[in-house]
């Protein structure tokens, strides 16, 4: 079964399963700021007058007095990938075209202090757009191998290999979206356990006290960000799974 991000023509208020396509479409209401009133308006318009053919046509059909599809809702739909299918978006970075198209149509000034696109150095990076999609809708898929190969001089271990191979490797790396950070005290000092979600496979990463001080500030603020980290694979007997432990060669990089 394939899991797809929200789609403006296939998604509903709740998660929808298309049995013919063996596909699950994420819910429109899961997108931040897309409440029941705005999603109901979108679905009712779609069911009454047919599917949407483009972003421009969608805007035309939702420009009305009292419309619940406001600027924040529409931009979050774009960022969550809801228009990717009808606009032939193949790379997340191409969503910038849709943002610019909508803002040109809006003809309004942007508050640079609140605008996430203002002075953002990573607008040309797919991971930045995918991370926004993940943070806004809860579903997105990252190419962690590409990220680790670009950012860390280490051997990347994919989730399949990570869980199959328990042989120790002094310098390997994994990537993931940080779902939880737990910081604890030991006799040697503070250490941290991070839970990384790598395209819906969960991995624990331990940053020991010997390395904690070096990375303390970024560890404390890395939740809901992408983390690329290198270390040593070890087997966790309690949880019956592999985990990554920091060592003297550990590199720790946060993308947000």
C-alpha atoms as a PDB file:
ATOM      1  CA  UNK A   1       0.000   0.000   0.000  1.00  0.00           C
ATOM      2  CA  UNK A   2       1.380   3.363  -1.025  1.00  0.00           C
ATOM      3  CA  UNK A   3       1.102   6.329   1.333  1.00  0.00           C
ATOM      4  CA  UNK A   4       0.677   9.674  -0.398  1.00  0.00           C
ATOM      5  CA  UNK A   5       0.806  13.235   0.951  1.00  0.00           C
ATOM      6  CA  UNK A   6      -2.373  15.342   0.839  1.00  0.00           C
ATOM      7  CA  UNK A   7      -3.765  15.747  -2.673  1.00  0.00           C
ATOM      8  CA  UNK A   8      -6.232  18.485  -3.591  1.00  0.00           C
ATOM      9  CA  UNK A   9      -8.325  16.110  -5.747  1.00  0.00           C
ATOM     10  CA  UNK A  10      -7.972  12.822  -3.846  1.00  0.00           C
ATOM     11  CA  UNK A  11      -7.822  13.738  -0.137  1.00  0.00           C
ATOM     12  CA  UNK A  12     -10.723  14.263   2.225  1.00  0.00           C
ATOM     13  CA  UNK A  13     -11.130  15.610   5.755  1.00  0.00           C
ATOM     14  CA  UNK A  14      -9.960  12.249   7.101  1.00  0.00           C
ATOM     15  CA  UNK A  15      -7.365   9.852   5.704  1.00  0.00           C
ATOM     16  CA  UNK A  16      -8.786   8.292   2.521  1.00  0.00           C
ATOM     17  CA  UNK A  17      -8.003   4.874   1.051  1.00  0.00           C
ATOM     18  CA  UNK A  18      -8.272   4.368  -2.704  1.00  0.00           C
ATOM     19  CA  UNK A  19      -8.598   0.584  -2.945  1.00  0.00           C
ATOM     20  CA  UNK A  20      -8.329   0.542  -6.747  1.00  0.00           C
ATOM     21  CA  UNK A  21      -4.944   2.293  -6.626  1.00  0.00           C
ATOM     22  CA  UNK A  22      -3.926   0.593  -3.336  1.00  0.00           C
ATOM     23  CA  UNK A  23      -3.095   4.051  -2.073  1.00  0.00           C
ATOM     24  CA  UNK A  24      -3.742   5.941   1.163  1.00  0.00           C
ATOM     25  CA  UNK A  25      -4.048   9.722   0.817  1.00  0.00           C
ATOM     26  CA  UNK A  26      -3.227  11.865   3.832  1.00  0.00           C
ATOM     27  CA  UNK A  27      -6.018  14.048   5.216  1.00  0.00           C
ATOM     28  CA  UNK A  28      -6.406  17.704   4.245  1.00  0.00           C
ATOM     29  CA  UNK A  29      -7.389  18.458   7.839  1.00  0.00           C
ATOM     30  CA  UNK A  30      -4.001  17.153   9.014  1.00  0.00           C
ATOM     31  CA  UNK A  31      -2.387  20.235   7.455  1.00  0.00           C
ATOM     32  CA  UNK A  32      -1.710  23.005   9.934  1.00  0.00           C
ATOM     33  CA  UNK A  33      -4.335  25.807   9.829  1.00  0.00           C
ATOM     34  CA  UNK A  34      -6.554  23.776   7.479  1.00  0.00           C
ATOM     35  CA  UNK A  35      -9.500  23.368   9.809  1.00  0.00           C
ATOM     36  CA  UNK A  36     -12.777  21.597   9.234  1.00  0.00           C
ATOM     37  CA  UNK A  37     -14.486  24.660   7.737  1.00  0.00           C
ATOM     38  CA  UNK A  38     -11.816  25.252   5.080  1.00  0.00           C
ATOM     39  CA  UNK A  39     -11.441  21.568   4.167  1.00  0.00           C
ATOM     40  CA  UNK A  40     -15.219  21.136   3.973  1.00  0.00           C
ATOM     41  CA  UNK A  41     -15.395  24.121   1.615  1.00  0.00           C
ATOM     42  CA  UNK A  42     -12.744  22.575  -0.649  1.00  0.00           C
ATOM     43  CA  UNK A  43     -14.412  19.142  -0.701  1.00  0.00           C
ATOM     44  CA  UNK A  44     -17.923  20.527  -1.236  1.00  0.00           C
ATOM     45  CA  UNK A  45     -16.728  22.664  -4.166  1.00  0.00           C
ATOM     46  CA  UNK A  46     -14.905  19.679  -5.677  1.00  0.00           C
ATOM     47  CA  UNK A  47     -17.926  17.390  -5.368  1.00  0.00           C
ATOM     48  CA  UNK A  48     -20.316  20.013  -6.732  1.00  0.00           C
ATOM     49  CA  UNK A  49     -18.303  21.371  -9.685  1.00  0.00           C
ATOM     50  CA  UNK A  50     -15.693  18.686 -10.378  1.00  0.00           C
ATOM     51  CA  UNK A  51     -12.000  18.212  -9.711  1.00  0.00           C
ATOM     52  CA  UNK A  52      -9.480  21.053  -9.848  1.00  0.00           C
ATOM     53  CA  UNK A  53      -7.234  21.356 -12.898  1.00  0.00           C
ATOM     54  CA  UNK A  54      -4.602  23.864 -11.733  1.00  0.00           C
ATOM     55  CA  UNK A  55      -3.658  26.135  -8.865  1.00  0.00           C
ATOM     56  CA  UNK A  56      -4.991  29.123 -10.823  1.00  0.00           C
ATOM     57  CA  UNK A  57      -8.366  27.473 -11.322  1.00  0.00           C
ATOM     58  CA  UNK A  58      -8.481  26.455  -7.645  1.00  0.00           C
ATOM     59  CA  UNK A  59      -7.897  30.086  -6.643  1.00  0.00           C
ATOM     60  CA  UNK A  60     -10.665  31.262  -9.005  1.00  0.00           C
ATOM     61  CA  UNK A  61     -13.136  28.845  -7.448  1.00  0.00           C
ATOM     62  CA  UNK A  62     -12.330  29.916  -3.900  1.00  0.00           C
ATOM     63  CA  UNK A  63     -12.200  33.697  -4.265  1.00  0.00           C
ATOM     64  CA  UNK A  64     -15.461  34.731  -2.668  1.00  0.00           C
ATOM     65  CA  UNK A  65     -16.739  36.794   0.206  1.00  0.00           C
ATOM     66  CA  UNK A  66     -16.411  34.829   3.422  1.00  0.00           C
ATOM     67  CA  UNK A  67     -14.144  32.163   1.892  1.00  0.00           C
ATOM     68  CA  UNK A  68     -12.458  29.997   4.496  1.00  0.00           C
ATOM     69  CA  UNK A  69      -9.573  29.252   2.150  1.00  0.00           C
ATOM     70  CA  UNK A  70      -7.364  32.183   3.124  1.00  0.00           C
ATOM     71  CA  UNK A  71      -3.697  32.940   2.388  1.00  0.00           C
ATOM     72  CA  UNK A  72      -2.355  30.779   5.208  1.00  0.00           C
ATOM     73  CA  UNK A  73      -4.523  27.807   4.235  1.00  0.00           C
ATOM     74  CA  UNK A  74      -3.582  28.044   0.565  1.00  0.00           C
ATOM     75  CA  UNK A  75       0.157  28.408   1.136  1.00  0.00           C
ATOM     76  CA  UNK A  76       0.142  25.504   3.593  1.00  0.00           C
ATOM     77  CA  UNK A  77      -1.667  23.382   0.990  1.00  0.00           C
ATOM     78  CA  UNK A  78       1.096  24.226  -1.498  1.00  0.00           C
ATOM     79  CA  UNK A  79       3.857  23.494   1.020  1.00  0.00           C
ATOM     80  CA  UNK A  80       2.242  20.166   1.934  1.00  0.00           C
ATOM     81  CA  UNK A  81       2.317  19.031  -1.699  1.00  0.00           C
ATOM     82  CA  UNK A  82      -1.451  19.159  -2.264  1.00  0.00           C
ATOM     83  CA  UNK A  83      -1.005  20.674  -5.752  1.00  0.00           C
ATOM     84  CA  UNK A  84       1.969  18.543  -6.854  1.00  0.00           C
ATOM     85  CA  UNK A  85      -0.115  16.183  -8.985  1.00  0.00           C
ATOM     86  CA  UNK A  86      -2.148  18.755 -10.938  1.00  0.00           C
ATOM     87  CA  UNK A  87       0.850  21.089 -11.388  1.00  0.00           C
ATOM     88  CA  UNK A  88       3.296  18.335 -12.441  1.00  0.00           C
ATOM     89  CA  UNK A  89       5.632  19.019  -9.516  1.00  0.00           C
ATOM     90  CA  UNK A  90       8.355  16.345  -9.496  1.00  0.00           C
ATOM     91  CA  UNK A  91      10.801  18.000  -7.071  1.00  0.00           C
ATOM     92  CA  UNK A  92       9.693  19.715  -3.836  1.00  0.00           C
ATOM     93  CA  UNK A  93      11.757  22.818  -4.662  1.00  0.00           C
ATOM     94  CA  UNK A  94       9.412  23.465  -7.609  1.00  0.00           C
ATOM     95  CA  UNK A  95       6.693  24.453  -5.120  1.00  0.00           C
ATOM     96  CA  UNK A  96       8.354  27.868  -4.975  1.00  0.00           C
ATOM     97  CA  UNK A  97       6.895  28.509  -8.428  1.00  0.00           C
ATOM     98  CA  UNK A  98       3.404  27.971  -7.042  1.00  0.00           C
ATOM     99  CA  UNK A  99       4.054  30.222  -4.046  1.00  0.00           C
ATOM    100  CA  UNK A 100       5.275  32.993  -6.358  1.00  0.00           C
ATOM    101  CA  UNK A 101       2.328  32.449  -8.709  1.00  0.00           C
ATOM    102  CA  UNK A 102      -0.149  32.788  -5.851  1.00  0.00           C
ATOM    103  CA  UNK A 103       1.532  35.817  -4.316  1.00  0.00           C
ATOM    104  CA  UNK A 104       1.664  37.557  -7.675  1.00  0.00           C
ATOM    105  CA  UNK A 105      -2.058  36.999  -7.977  1.00  0.00           C
ATOM    106  CA  UNK A 106      -2.604  38.176  -4.389  1.00  0.00           C
ATOM    107  CA  UNK A 107      -0.750  41.453  -5.040  1.00  0.00           C
ATOM    108  CA  UNK A 108      -0.177  41.989  -1.351  1.00  0.00           C
ATOM    109  CA  UNK A 109       2.900  43.014   0.623  1.00  0.00           C
ATOM    110  CA  UNK A 110       4.611  40.352   2.681  1.00  0.00           C
ATOM    111  CA  UNK A 111       5.702  40.866   6.277  1.00  0.00           C
ATOM    112  CA  UNK A 112       9.375  39.872   6.048  1.00  0.00           C
ATOM    113  CA  UNK A 113       9.546  39.298   9.811  1.00  0.00           C
ATOM    114  CA  UNK A 114       6.910  36.553   9.526  1.00  0.00           C
ATOM    115  CA  UNK A 115       7.587  35.325   5.994  1.00  0.00           C
ATOM    116  CA  UNK A 116       9.425  31.986   6.052  1.00  0.00           C
ATOM    117  CA  UNK A 117      10.691  32.590   2.519  1.00  0.00           C
ATOM    118  CA  UNK A 118      12.346  35.936   3.268  1.00  0.00           C
ATOM    119  CA  UNK A 119      16.141  35.686   3.246  1.00  0.00           C
ATOM    120  CA  UNK A 120      15.976  31.868   3.448  1.00  0.00           C
ATOM    121  CA  UNK A 121      19.298  30.492   2.113  1.00  0.00           C
ATOM    122  CA  UNK A 122      17.941  26.989   1.407  1.00  0.00           C
ATOM    123  CA  UNK A 123      15.094  27.778  -0.989  1.00  0.00           C
ATOM    124  CA  UNK A 124      16.932  25.842  -3.717  1.00  0.00           C
ATOM    125  CA  UNK A 125      17.269  22.711  -1.559  1.00  0.00           C
ATOM    126  CA  UNK A 126      14.688  19.907  -1.838  1.00  0.00           C
ATOM    127  CA  UNK A 127      15.200  18.891   1.793  1.00  0.00           C
ATOM    128  CA  UNK A 128      14.087  22.353   3.001  1.00  0.00           C
ATOM    129  CA  UNK A 129      10.767  22.064   1.161  1.00  0.00           C
ATOM    130  CA  UNK A 130      10.278  18.459   2.249  1.00  0.00           C
ATOM    131  CA  UNK A 131      10.905  19.436   5.860  1.00  0.00           C
ATOM    132  CA  UNK A 132       8.231  22.157   5.634  1.00  0.00           C
ATOM    133  CA  UNK A 133       5.858  19.511   4.239  1.00  0.00           C
ATOM    134  CA  UNK A 134       6.649  17.187   7.148  1.00  0.00           C
ATOM    135  CA  UNK A 135       6.216  19.897   9.782  1.00  0.00           C
ATOM    136  CA  UNK A 136       2.910  21.125   8.325  1.00  0.00           C
ATOM    137  CA  UNK A 137       1.185  17.874   7.371  1.00  0.00           C
ATOM    138  CA  UNK A 138       2.999  15.099   9.236  1.00  0.00           C
ATOM    139  CA  UNK A 139       3.866  13.095   6.124  1.00  0.00           C
ATOM    140  CA  UNK A 140       6.881  13.423   3.803  1.00  0.00           C
ATOM    141  CA  UNK A 141       9.672  11.247   2.440  1.00  0.00           C
ATOM    142  CA  UNK A 142      13.350  12.268   2.489  1.00  0.00           C
ATOM    143  CA  UNK A 143      16.362  11.035   0.551  1.00  0.00           C
ATOM    144  CA  UNK A 144      18.600  10.632   3.599  1.00  0.00           C
ATOM    145  CA  UNK A 145      21.328   8.844   1.655  1.00  0.00           C
ATOM    146  CA  UNK A 146      21.784  11.840  -0.621  1.00  0.00           C
ATOM    147  CA  UNK A 147      21.801  14.220   2.353  1.00  0.00           C
ATOM    148  CA  UNK A 148      24.374  12.214   4.313  1.00  0.00           C
ATOM    149  CA  UNK A 149      26.613  11.779   1.282  1.00  0.00           C
ATOM    150  CA  UNK A 150      26.561  15.531   0.673  1.00  0.00           C
ATOM    151  CA  UNK A 151      26.891  16.705   4.257  1.00  0.00           C
ATOM    152  CA  UNK A 152      28.902  14.029   6.091  1.00  0.00           C
ATOM    153  CA  UNK A 153      32.092  12.291   5.027  1.00  0.00           C
ATOM    154  CA  UNK A 154      30.862   8.897   6.205  1.00  0.00           C
ATOM    155  CA  UNK A 155      29.351   5.658   4.980  1.00  0.00           C
ATOM    156  CA  UNK A 156      25.569   5.969   4.969  1.00  0.00           C
ATOM    157  CA  UNK A 157      23.604   3.064   6.438  1.00  0.00           C
ATOM    158  CA  UNK A 158      20.050   2.772   5.108  1.00  0.00           C
ATOM    159  CA  UNK A 159      17.309   1.576   7.434  1.00  0.00           C
ATOM    160  CA  UNK A 160      17.153  -1.915   5.885  1.00  0.00           C
ATOM    161  CA  UNK A 161      20.893  -2.454   6.240  1.00  0.00           C
ATOM    162  CA  UNK A 162      20.926  -0.790   9.650  1.00  0.00           C
ATOM    163  CA  UNK A 163      18.520  -3.305  11.135  1.00  0.00           C
ATOM    164  CA  UNK A 164      20.001  -6.353   9.397  1.00  0.00           C
ATOM    165  CA  UNK A 165      23.683  -5.740  10.040  1.00  0.00           C
ATOM    166  CA  UNK A 166      24.859  -5.564  13.650  1.00  0.00           C
ATOM    167  CA  UNK A 167      28.563  -5.658  12.832  1.00  0.00           C
ATOM    168  CA  UNK A 168      30.369  -2.704  14.325  1.00  0.00           C
ATOM    169  CA  UNK A 169      31.443   0.083  12.007  1.00  0.00           C
ATOM    170  CA  UNK A 170      33.566   2.862  13.451  1.00  0.00           C
ATOM    171  CA  UNK A 171      32.179   5.522  11.184  1.00  0.00           C
ATOM    172  CA  UNK A 172      28.764   5.255   9.589  1.00  0.00           C
ATOM    173  CA  UNK A 173      25.852   7.663   9.409  1.00  0.00           C
ATOM    174  CA  UNK A 174      22.073   7.752   9.426  1.00  0.00           C
ATOM    175  CA  UNK A 175      19.530  10.516   8.905  1.00  0.00           C
ATOM    176  CA  UNK A 176      16.085  11.095  10.310  1.00  0.00           C
ATOM    177  CA  UNK A 177      13.387  13.461  11.504  1.00  0.00           C
ATOM    178  CA  UNK A 178      13.706  13.995  15.259  1.00  0.00           C
ATOM    179  CA  UNK A 179      10.487  12.977  17.009  1.00  0.00           C
ATOM    180  CA  UNK A 180      11.819  13.005  20.572  1.00  0.00           C
ATOM    181  CA  UNK A 181      14.820  14.234  22.550  1.00  0.00           C
ATOM    182  CA  UNK A 182      15.476  12.937  26.075  1.00  0.00           C
ATOM    183  CA  UNK A 183      18.356  14.433  28.069  1.00  0.00           C
ATOM    184  CA  UNK A 184      19.504  12.681  31.229  1.00  0.00           C
ATOM    185  CA  UNK A 185      22.209  12.945  33.872  1.00  0.00           C
ATOM    186  CA  UNK A 186      24.777  10.263  34.652  1.00  0.00           C
ATOM    187  CA  UNK A 187      27.853  10.132  36.852  1.00  0.00           C
ATOM    188  CA  UNK A 188      29.895  11.191  33.851  1.00  0.00           C
ATOM    189  CA  UNK A 189      27.578  14.092  32.981  1.00  0.00           C
ATOM    190  CA  UNK A 190      24.669  14.709  30.632  1.00  0.00           C
ATOM    191  CA  UNK A 191      23.819  12.371  27.771  1.00  0.00           C
ATOM    192  CA  UNK A 192      20.953  12.293  25.277  1.00  0.00           C
ATOM    193  CA  UNK A 193      18.720   9.784  23.526  1.00  0.00           C
ATOM    194  CA  UNK A 194      17.234  10.911  20.235  1.00  0.00           C
ATOM    195  CA  UNK A 195      14.452   9.094  18.410  1.00  0.00           C
ATOM    196  CA  UNK A 196      14.846   9.487  14.647  1.00  0.00           C
ATOM    197  CA  UNK A 197      12.086   8.639  12.202  1.00  0.00           C
ATOM    198  CA  UNK A 198      13.641   7.668   8.872  1.00  0.00           C
ATOM    199  CA  UNK A 199      10.712   7.492   6.440  1.00  0.00           C
ATOM    200  CA  UNK A 200       8.571   5.785   9.103  1.00  0.00           C
ATOM    201  CA  UNK A 201      11.256   3.513  10.537  1.00  0.00           C
ATOM    202  CA  UNK A 202      12.293   4.576  14.053  1.00  0.00           C
ATOM    203  CA  UNK A 203      15.895   4.501  15.276  1.00  0.00           C
ATOM    204  CA  UNK A 204      17.455   5.448  18.607  1.00  0.00           C
ATOM    205  CA  UNK A 205      20.641   7.518  18.716  1.00  0.00           C
ATOM    206  CA  UNK A 206      22.669   7.855  21.917  1.00  0.00           C
ATOM    207  CA  UNK A 207      24.932  10.864  22.376  1.00  0.00           C
ATOM    208  CA  UNK A 208      27.207  10.013  25.301  1.00  0.00           C
ATOM    209  CA  UNK A 209      28.492  12.493  27.853  1.00  0.00           C
ATOM    210  CA  UNK A 210      31.941  12.524  26.209  1.00  0.00           C
ATOM    211  CA  UNK A 211      30.393  14.135  23.119  1.00  0.00           C
ATOM    212  CA  UNK A 212      27.331  15.798  24.667  1.00  0.00           C
ATOM    213  CA  UNK A 213      28.997  19.086  25.623  1.00  0.00           C
ATOM    214  CA  UNK A 214      30.160  19.604  22.045  1.00  0.00           C
ATOM    215  CA  UNK A 215      26.622  19.238  20.651  1.00  0.00           C
ATOM    216  CA  UNK A 216      24.521  20.370  23.638  1.00  0.00           C
ATOM    217  CA  UNK A 217      23.020  23.526  22.122  1.00  0.00           C
ATOM    218  CA  UNK A 218      21.920  21.889  18.878  1.00  0.00           C
ATOM    219  CA  UNK A 219      20.631  18.769  20.675  1.00  0.00           C
ATOM    220  CA  UNK A 220      18.388  20.893  22.885  1.00  0.00           C
ATOM    221  CA  UNK A 221      16.762  22.557  19.857  1.00  0.00           C
ATOM    222  CA  UNK A 222      16.758  19.800  17.212  1.00  0.00           C
ATOM    223  CA  UNK A 223      13.265  18.362  17.736  1.00  0.00           C
ATOM    224  CA  UNK A 224      11.136  18.427  14.539  1.00  0.00           C
ATOM    225  CA  UNK A 225      14.280  18.988  12.477  1.00  0.00           C
ATOM    226  CA  UNK A 226      16.334  16.704  10.254  1.00  0.00           C
ATOM    227  CA  UNK A 227      19.412  15.267  11.931  1.00  0.00           C
ATOM    228  CA  UNK A 228      22.351  13.653  10.158  1.00  0.00           C
ATOM    229  CA  UNK A 229      24.615  11.872  12.618  1.00  0.00           C
ATOM    230  CA  UNK A 230      27.551   9.483  12.435  1.00  0.00           C
ATOM    231  CA  UNK A 231      28.722   7.015  15.032  1.00  0.00           C
ATOM    232  CA  UNK A 232      28.974   3.304  15.836  1.00  0.00           C
ATOM    233  CA  UNK A 233      26.244   0.695  15.422  1.00  0.00           C
ATOM    234  CA  UNK A 234      25.525  -1.359  18.539  1.00  0.00           C
ATOM    235  CA  UNK A 235      22.825  -3.834  19.523  1.00  0.00           C
ATOM    236  CA  UNK A 236      20.266  -2.805  22.135  1.00  0.00           C
ATOM    237  CA  UNK A 237      19.474  -6.050  24.010  1.00  0.00           C
ATOM    238  CA  UNK A 238      16.568  -4.489  25.891  1.00  0.00           C
ATOM    239  CA  UNK A 239      14.708  -3.320  22.789  1.00  0.00           C
ATOM    240  CA  UNK A 240      16.067  -6.062  20.517  1.00  0.00           C
ATOM    241  CA  UNK A 241      17.226  -3.670  17.814  1.00  0.00           C
ATOM    242  CA  UNK A 242      20.283  -1.833  16.595  1.00  0.00           C
ATOM    243  CA  UNK A 243      21.021   1.717  17.690  1.00  0.00           C
ATOM    244  CA  UNK A 244      23.610   4.340  16.850  1.00  0.00           C
ATOM    245  CA  UNK A 245      26.054   5.484  19.547  1.00  0.00           C
ATOM    246  CA  UNK A 246      28.281   8.529  19.429  1.00  0.00           C
ATOM    247  CA  UNK A 247      32.037   8.128  19.433  1.00  0.00           C
ATOM    248  CA  UNK A 248      35.105  10.351  19.177  1.00  0.00           C
ATOM    249  CA  UNK A 249      34.551  10.722  15.417  1.00  0.00           C
ATOM    250  CA  UNK A 250      30.869  11.628  15.619  1.00  0.00           C
ATOM    251  CA  UNK A 251      29.558  14.377  13.376  1.00  0.00           C
ATOM    252  CA  UNK A 252      26.167  15.869  14.236  1.00  0.00           C
ATOM    253  CA  UNK A 253      24.375  18.121  11.779  1.00  0.00           C
ATOM    254  CA  UNK A 254      20.905  19.659  12.100  1.00  0.00           C
ATOM    255  CA  UNK A 255      18.917  20.866   9.075  1.00  0.00           C
ATOM    256  CA  UNK A 256      15.920  23.080   9.774  1.00  0.00           C
END
